[in-house]
Amino acid sequence: PLLVGGFAFSGRLPGEGFAGFPPARLVLPE
């Protein structure tokens, strides 16, 4: 199994982040 997702270059993004994605998000998929 793998974790998939990504990181923003900046730790703080304006508003809710880019298209709703937080600065760091990894998912363990089903």
PDB file of all heavy atoms in Angstrom:
ATOM      1  N   PRO A   1       0.823  -1.216   0.000  1.00  0.00           N
ATOM      2  CA  PRO A   1       0.000   0.000   0.000  1.00  0.00           C
ATOM      3  C   PRO A   1       0.857   1.266   0.000  1.00  0.00           C
ATOM      4  O   PRO A   1       1.979   1.254   0.481  1.00  0.00           O
ATOM      5  CB  PRO A   1      -0.800  -0.137   1.305  1.00  0.00           C
ATOM      6  CG  PRO A   1       0.076  -0.981   2.188  1.00  0.00           C
ATOM      7  CD  PRO A   1       0.759  -1.956   1.277  1.00  0.00           C
ATOM      8  N   LEU A   2       0.279   2.339  -0.518  1.00  0.00           N
ATOM      9  CA  LEU A   2       0.953   3.629  -0.589  1.00  0.00           C
ATOM     10  C   LEU A   2       0.021   4.722  -0.080  1.00  0.00           C
ATOM     11  O   LEU A   2      -1.199   4.582  -0.127  1.00  0.00           O
ATOM     12  CB  LEU A   2       1.349   3.972  -2.032  1.00  0.00           C
ATOM     13  CG  LEU A   2       2.267   3.013  -2.783  1.00  0.00           C
ATOM     14  CD1 LEU A   2       2.429   3.483  -4.224  1.00  0.00           C
ATOM     15  CD2 LEU A   2       3.624   2.910  -2.103  1.00  0.00           C
ATOM     16  N   LEU A   3       0.618   5.806   0.365  1.00  0.00           N
ATOM     17  CA  LEU A   3      -0.129   7.035   0.624  1.00  0.00           C
ATOM     18  C   LEU A   3       0.040   7.947  -0.582  1.00  0.00           C
ATOM     19  O   LEU A   3       1.145   8.085  -1.114  1.00  0.00           O
ATOM     20  CB  LEU A   3       0.380   7.731   1.890  1.00  0.00           C
ATOM     21  CG  LEU A   3      -0.006   7.028   3.189  1.00  0.00           C
ATOM     22  CD1 LEU A   3       1.083   7.183   4.225  1.00  0.00           C
ATOM     23  CD2 LEU A   3      -1.326   7.584   3.717  1.00  0.00           C
ATOM     24  N   VAL A   4      -1.040   8.556  -1.036  1.00  0.00           N
ATOM     25  CA  VAL A   4      -0.988   9.418  -2.220  1.00  0.00           C
ATOM     26  C   VAL A   4      -1.510  10.801  -1.840  1.00  0.00           C
ATOM     27  O   VAL A   4      -2.335  10.956  -0.942  1.00  0.00           O
ATOM     28  CB  VAL A   4      -1.827   8.837  -3.375  1.00  0.00           C
ATOM     29  CG1 VAL A   4      -1.269   7.495  -3.810  1.00  0.00           C
ATOM     30  CG2 VAL A   4      -3.289   8.678  -2.974  1.00  0.00           C
ATOM     31  N   GLY A   5      -1.013  11.815  -2.538  1.00  0.00           N
ATOM     32  CA  GLY A   5      -1.447  13.185  -2.251  1.00  0.00           C
ATOM     33  C   GLY A   5      -0.369  14.171  -2.625  1.00  0.00           C
ATOM     34  O   GLY A   5       0.360  13.957  -3.602  1.00  0.00           O
ATOM     35  N   GLY A   6      -0.230  15.227  -1.840  1.00  0.00           N
ATOM     36  CA  GLY A   6       0.778  16.216  -2.195  1.00  0.00           C
ATOM     37  C   GLY A   6       0.938  17.304  -1.159  1.00  0.00           C
ATOM     38  O   GLY A   6       0.206  17.379  -0.160  1.00  0.00           O
ATOM     39  N   PHE A   7       1.933  18.162  -1.411  1.00  0.00           N
ATOM     40  CA  PHE A   7       2.282  19.281  -0.539  1.00  0.00           C
ATOM     41  C   PHE A   7       2.302  20.568  -1.347  1.00  0.00           C
ATOM     42  O   PHE A   7       2.676  20.560  -2.520  1.00  0.00           O
ATOM     43  CB  PHE A   7       3.679  19.080   0.055  1.00  0.00           C
ATOM     44  CG  PHE A   7       3.814  17.898   0.965  1.00  0.00           C
ATOM     45  CD1 PHE A   7       4.072  16.638   0.446  1.00  0.00           C
ATOM     46  CD2 PHE A   7       3.699  18.045   2.332  1.00  0.00           C
ATOM     47  CE1 PHE A   7       4.204  15.538   1.276  1.00  0.00           C
ATOM     48  CE2 PHE A   7       3.841  16.948   3.177  1.00  0.00           C
ATOM     49  CZ  PHE A   7       4.088  15.698   2.651  1.00  0.00           C
ATOM     50  N   ALA A   8       1.942  21.649  -0.711  1.00  0.00           N
ATOM     51  CA  ALA A   8       2.148  22.973  -1.301  1.00  0.00           C
ATOM     52  C   ALA A   8       3.562  23.437  -0.960  1.00  0.00           C
ATOM     53  O   ALA A   8       4.139  23.021   0.044  1.00  0.00           O
ATOM     54  CB  ALA A   8       1.126  23.959  -0.760  1.00  0.00           C
ATOM     55  N   PHE A   9       4.119  24.305  -1.797  1.00  0.00           N
ATOM     56  CA  PHE A   9       5.434  24.845  -1.488  1.00  0.00           C
ATOM     57  C   PHE A   9       5.379  25.761  -0.268  1.00  0.00           C
ATOM     58  O   PHE A   9       6.324  25.864   0.490  1.00  0.00           O
ATOM     59  CB  PHE A   9       5.994  25.612  -2.691  1.00  0.00           C
ATOM     60  CG  PHE A   9       6.551  24.722  -3.758  1.00  0.00           C
ATOM     61  CD1 PHE A   9       5.792  24.358  -4.851  1.00  0.00           C
ATOM     62  CD2 PHE A   9       7.832  24.210  -3.651  1.00  0.00           C
ATOM     63  CE1 PHE A   9       6.298  23.513  -5.824  1.00  0.00           C
ATOM     64  CE2 PHE A   9       8.352  23.366  -4.622  1.00  0.00           C
ATOM     65  CZ  PHE A   9       7.578  23.018  -5.712  1.00  0.00           C
ATOM     66  N   SER A  10       4.256  26.437  -0.092  1.00  0.00           N
ATOM     67  CA  SER A  10       4.079  27.327   1.056  1.00  0.00           C
ATOM     68  C   SER A  10       3.252  26.629   2.120  1.00  0.00           C
ATOM     69  O   SER A  10       2.293  25.919   1.814  1.00  0.00           O
ATOM     70  CB  SER A  10       3.377  28.623   0.626  1.00  0.00           C
ATOM     71  OG  SER A  10       3.043  29.403   1.760  1.00  0.00           O
ATOM     72  N   GLY A  11       3.632  26.856   3.381  1.00  0.00           N
ATOM     73  CA  GLY A  11       2.886  26.253   4.480  1.00  0.00           C
ATOM     74  C   GLY A  11       1.589  26.946   4.788  1.00  0.00           C
ATOM     75  O   GLY A  11       0.721  26.401   5.474  1.00  0.00           O
ATOM     76  N   ARG A  12       1.420  28.167   4.299  1.00  0.00           N
ATOM     77  CA  ARG A  12       0.192  28.918   4.554  1.00  0.00           C
ATOM     78  C   ARG A  12      -0.364  29.408   3.222  1.00  0.00           C
ATOM     79  O   ARG A  12       0.319  30.104   2.469  1.00  0.00           O
ATOM     80  CB  ARG A  12       0.459  30.116   5.478  1.00  0.00           C
ATOM     81  CG  ARG A  12       0.670  29.718   6.918  1.00  0.00           C
ATOM     82  CD  ARG A  12       0.756  30.946   7.808  1.00  0.00           C
ATOM     83  NE  ARG A  12       1.968  31.708   7.531  1.00  0.00           N
ATOM     84  CZ  ARG A  12       3.125  31.477   8.129  1.00  0.00           C
ATOM     85  NH1 ARG A  12       3.239  30.523   9.001  1.00  0.00           N
ATOM     86  NH2 ARG A  12       4.191  32.211   7.846  1.00  0.00           N
ATOM     87  N   LEU A  13      -1.575  29.045   2.927  1.00  0.00           N
ATOM     88  CA  LEU A  13      -2.225  29.449   1.694  1.00  0.00           C
ATOM     89  C   LEU A  13      -3.391  30.367   2.002  1.00  0.00           C
ATOM     90  O   LEU A  13      -4.058  30.217   3.033  1.00  0.00           O
ATOM     91  CB  LEU A  13      -2.733  28.220   0.930  1.00  0.00           C
ATOM     92  CG  LEU A  13      -1.657  27.248   0.446  1.00  0.00           C
ATOM     93  CD1 LEU A  13      -2.308  26.044  -0.200  1.00  0.00           C
ATOM     94  CD2 LEU A  13      -0.736  27.932  -0.540  1.00  0.00           C
ATOM     95  N   PRO A  14      -3.671  31.338   1.154  1.00  0.00           N
ATOM     96  CA  PRO A  14      -4.775  32.263   1.417  1.00  0.00           C
ATOM     97  C   PRO A  14      -6.114  31.552   1.367  1.00  0.00           C
ATOM     98  O   PRO A  14      -6.318  30.596   0.615  1.00  0.00           O
ATOM     99  CB  PRO A  14      -4.651  33.283   0.274  1.00  0.00           C
ATOM    100  CG  PRO A  14      -3.934  32.549  -0.811  1.00  0.00           C
ATOM    101  CD  PRO A  14      -2.980  31.630  -0.104  1.00  0.00           C
ATOM    102  N   GLY A  15      -7.035  32.033   2.193  1.00  0.00           N
ATOM    103  CA  GLY A  15      -8.388  31.479   2.189  1.00  0.00           C
ATOM    104  C   GLY A  15      -8.379  30.017   2.560  1.00  0.00           C
ATOM    105  O   GLY A  15      -7.780  29.598   3.537  1.00  0.00           O
ATOM    106  N   GLU A  16      -9.027  29.201   1.751  1.00  0.00           N
ATOM    107  CA  GLU A  16      -9.113  27.767   2.015  1.00  0.00           C
ATOM    108  C   GLU A  16      -8.050  26.976   1.269  1.00  0.00           C
ATOM    109  O   GLU A  16      -8.116  25.758   1.177  1.00  0.00           O
ATOM    110  CB  GLU A  16     -10.505  27.259   1.616  1.00  0.00           C
ATOM    111  CG  GLU A  16     -11.635  27.882   2.422  1.00  0.00           C
ATOM    112  CD  GLU A  16     -12.973  27.318   2.016  1.00  0.00           C
ATOM    113  OE1 GLU A  16     -13.022  26.528   1.045  1.00  0.00           O
ATOM    114  OE2 GLU A  16     -13.970  27.664   2.658  1.00  0.00           O
ATOM    115  N   GLY A  17      -7.057  27.661   0.743  1.00  0.00           N
ATOM    116  CA  GLY A  17      -6.010  26.947   0.021  1.00  0.00           C
ATOM    117  C   GLY A  17      -6.332  26.848  -1.451  1.00  0.00           C
ATOM    118  O   GLY A  17      -7.353  27.315  -1.925  1.00  0.00           O
ATOM    119  N   PHE A  18      -5.428  26.231  -2.187  1.00  0.00           N
ATOM    120  CA  PHE A  18      -5.582  26.113  -3.632  1.00  0.00           C
ATOM    121  C   PHE A  18      -6.682  25.118  -3.950  1.00  0.00           C
ATOM    122  O   PHE A  18      -6.568  23.925  -3.650  1.00  0.00           O
ATOM    123  CB  PHE A  18      -4.258  25.682  -4.256  1.00  0.00           C
ATOM    124  CG  PHE A  18      -4.359  25.394  -5.722  1.00  0.00           C
ATOM    125  CD1 PHE A  18      -4.531  26.422  -6.629  1.00  0.00           C
ATOM    126  CD2 PHE A  18      -4.316  24.103  -6.196  1.00  0.00           C
ATOM    127  CE1 PHE A  18      -4.637  26.167  -7.980  1.00  0.00           C
ATOM    128  CE2 PHE A  18      -4.429  23.825  -7.536  1.00  0.00           C
ATOM    129  CZ  PHE A  18      -4.585  24.872  -8.434  1.00  0.00           C
ATOM    130  N   ALA A  19      -7.760  25.594  -4.552  1.00  0.00           N
ATOM    131  CA  ALA A  19      -8.886  24.746  -4.967  1.00  0.00           C
ATOM    132  C   ALA A  19      -9.387  23.865  -3.830  1.00  0.00           C
ATOM    133  O   ALA A  19      -9.863  22.759  -4.046  1.00  0.00           O
ATOM    134  CB  ALA A  19      -8.480  23.883  -6.161  1.00  0.00           C
ATOM    135  N   GLY A  20      -9.272  24.377  -2.580  1.00  0.00           N
ATOM    136  CA  GLY A  20      -9.760  23.610  -1.446  1.00  0.00           C
ATOM    137  C   GLY A  20      -8.777  22.601  -0.886  1.00  0.00           C
ATOM    138  O   GLY A  20      -9.103  21.896   0.067  1.00  0.00           O
ATOM    139  N   PHE A  21      -7.558  22.515  -1.443  1.00  0.00           N
ATOM    140  CA  PHE A  21      -6.567  21.571  -0.934  1.00  0.00           C
ATOM    141  C   PHE A  21      -5.729  22.228   0.163  1.00  0.00           C
ATOM    142  O   PHE A  21      -5.252  23.347  -0.010  1.00  0.00           O
ATOM    143  CB  PHE A  21      -5.642  21.103  -2.055  1.00  0.00           C
ATOM    144  CG  PHE A  21      -6.325  20.282  -3.112  1.00  0.00           C
ATOM    145  CD1 PHE A  21      -6.791  20.865  -4.269  1.00  0.00           C
ATOM    146  CD2 PHE A  21      -6.507  18.922  -2.937  1.00  0.00           C
ATOM    147  CE1 PHE A  21      -7.428  20.123  -5.248  1.00  0.00           C
ATOM    148  CE2 PHE A  21      -7.148  18.158  -3.909  1.00  0.00           C
ATOM    149  CZ  PHE A  21      -7.609  18.757  -5.062  1.00  0.00           C
ATOM    150  N   PRO A  22      -5.505  21.558   1.284  1.00  0.00           N
ATOM    151  CA  PRO A  22      -4.663  22.118   2.345  1.00  0.00           C
ATOM    152  C   PRO A  22      -3.192  22.078   1.950  1.00  0.00           C
ATOM    153  O   PRO A  22      -2.824  21.430   0.963  1.00  0.00           O
ATOM    154  CB  PRO A  22      -4.949  21.190   3.538  1.00  0.00           C
ATOM    155  CG  PRO A  22      -5.351  19.894   2.924  1.00  0.00           C
ATOM    156  CD  PRO A  22      -6.064  20.244   1.638  1.00  0.00           C
ATOM    157  N   PRO A  23      -2.299  22.728   2.730  1.00  0.00           N
ATOM    158  CA  PRO A  23      -0.869  22.747   2.376  1.00  0.00           C
ATOM    159  C   PRO A  23      -0.203  21.376   2.365  1.00  0.00           C
ATOM    160  O   PRO A  23       0.822  21.205   1.724  1.00  0.00           O
ATOM    161  CB  PRO A  23      -0.259  23.652   3.455  1.00  0.00           C
ATOM    162  CG  PRO A  23      -1.378  24.535   3.880  1.00  0.00           C
ATOM    163  CD  PRO A  23      -2.603  23.675   3.823  1.00  0.00           C
ATOM    164  N   ALA A  24      -0.757  20.410   3.084  1.00  0.00           N
ATOM    165  CA  ALA A  24      -0.225  19.044   3.044  1.00  0.00           C
ATOM    166  C   ALA A  24      -1.383  18.086   3.231  1.00  0.00           C
ATOM    167  O   ALA A  24      -2.153  18.215   4.182  1.00  0.00           O
ATOM    168  CB  ALA A  24       0.822  18.829   4.128  1.00  0.00           C
ATOM    169  N   ARG A  25      -1.482  17.114   2.334  1.00  0.00           N
ATOM    170  CA  ARG A  25      -2.579  16.141   2.435  1.00  0.00           C
ATOM    171  C   ARG A  25      -2.162  14.830   1.782  1.00  0.00           C
ATOM    172  O   ARG A  25      -1.831  14.793   0.600  1.00  0.00           O
ATOM    173  CB  ARG A  25      -3.845  16.667   1.759  1.00  0.00           C
ATOM    174  CG  ARG A  25      -5.077  15.796   2.013  1.00  0.00           C
ATOM    175  CD  ARG A  25      -6.334  16.485   1.458  1.00  0.00           C
ATOM    176  NE  ARG A  25      -7.544  15.876   1.975  1.00  0.00           N
ATOM    177  CZ  ARG A  25      -8.176  14.845   1.406  1.00  0.00           C
ATOM    178  NH1 ARG A  25      -7.697  14.325   0.304  1.00  0.00           N
ATOM    179  NH2 ARG A  25      -9.269  14.363   1.947  1.00  0.00           N
ATOM    180  N   LEU A  26      -2.158  13.759   2.577  1.00  0.00           N
ATOM    181  CA  LEU A  26      -1.884  12.415   2.074  1.00  0.00           C
ATOM    182  C   LEU A  26      -3.049  11.507   2.446  1.00  0.00           C
ATOM    183  O   LEU A  26      -3.624  11.637   3.522  1.00  0.00           O
ATOM    184  CB  LEU A  26      -0.585  11.862   2.655  1.00  0.00           C
ATOM    185  CG  LEU A  26       0.722  12.539   2.227  1.00  0.00           C
ATOM    186  CD1 LEU A  26       1.912  11.840   2.878  1.00  0.00           C
ATOM    187  CD2 LEU A  26       0.884  12.545   0.719  1.00  0.00           C
ATOM    188  N   VAL A  27      -3.366  10.590   1.551  1.00  0.00           N
ATOM    189  CA  VAL A  27      -4.521   9.707   1.718  1.00  0.00           C
ATOM    190  C   VAL A  27      -4.068   8.259   1.596  1.00  0.00           C
ATOM    191  O   VAL A  27      -3.298   7.912   0.692  1.00  0.00           O
ATOM    192  CB  VAL A  27      -5.592  10.014   0.643  1.00  0.00           C
ATOM    193  CG1 VAL A  27      -6.678   8.954   0.632  1.00  0.00           C
ATOM    194  CG2 VAL A  27      -6.191  11.392   0.871  1.00  0.00           C
ATOM    195  N   LEU A  28      -4.543   7.419   2.508  1.00  0.00           N
ATOM    196  CA  LEU A  28      -4.401   5.978   2.361  1.00  0.00           C
ATOM    197  C   LEU A  28      -5.645   5.498   1.635  1.00  0.00           C
ATOM    198  O   LEU A  28      -6.736   5.480   2.196  1.00  0.00           O
ATOM    199  CB  LEU A  28      -4.286   5.302   3.731  1.00  0.00           C
ATOM    200  CG  LEU A  28      -4.146   3.776   3.727  1.00  0.00           C
ATOM    201  CD1 LEU A  28      -2.849   3.351   3.043  1.00  0.00           C
ATOM    202  CD2 LEU A  28      -4.215   3.221   5.143  1.00  0.00           C
ATOM    203  N   PRO A  29      -5.533   5.124   0.346  1.00  0.00           N
ATOM    204  CA  PRO A  29      -6.721   4.815  -0.449  1.00  0.00           C
ATOM    205  C   PRO A  29      -7.291   3.428  -0.146  1.00  0.00           C
ATOM    206  O   PRO A  29      -6.567   2.533   0.290  1.00  0.00           O
ATOM    207  CB  PRO A  29      -6.219   4.896  -1.893  1.00  0.00           C
ATOM    208  CG  PRO A  29      -4.768   4.546  -1.793  1.00  0.00           C
ATOM    209  CD  PRO A  29      -4.294   5.057  -0.463  1.00  0.00           C
ATOM    210  N   GLU A  30      -8.576   3.284  -0.435  1.00  0.00           N
ATOM    211  CA  GLU A  30      -9.215   1.986  -0.287  1.00  0.00           C
ATOM    212  C   GLU A  30      -8.807   1.066  -1.429  1.00  0.00           C
ATOM    213  O   GLU A  30      -8.610  -0.128  -1.240  1.00  0.00           O
ATOM    214  CB  GLU A  30     -10.735   2.153  -0.260  1.00  0.00           C
ATOM    215  CG  GLU A  30     -11.488   0.884   0.104  1.00  0.00           C
ATOM    216  CD  GLU A  30     -12.970   1.127   0.284  1.00  0.00           C
ATOM    217  OE1 GLU A  30     -13.627   1.499  -0.705  1.00  0.00           O
ATOM    218  OE2 GLU A  30     -13.467   0.947   1.413  1.00  0.00           O
TER     219      GLU A  30
END
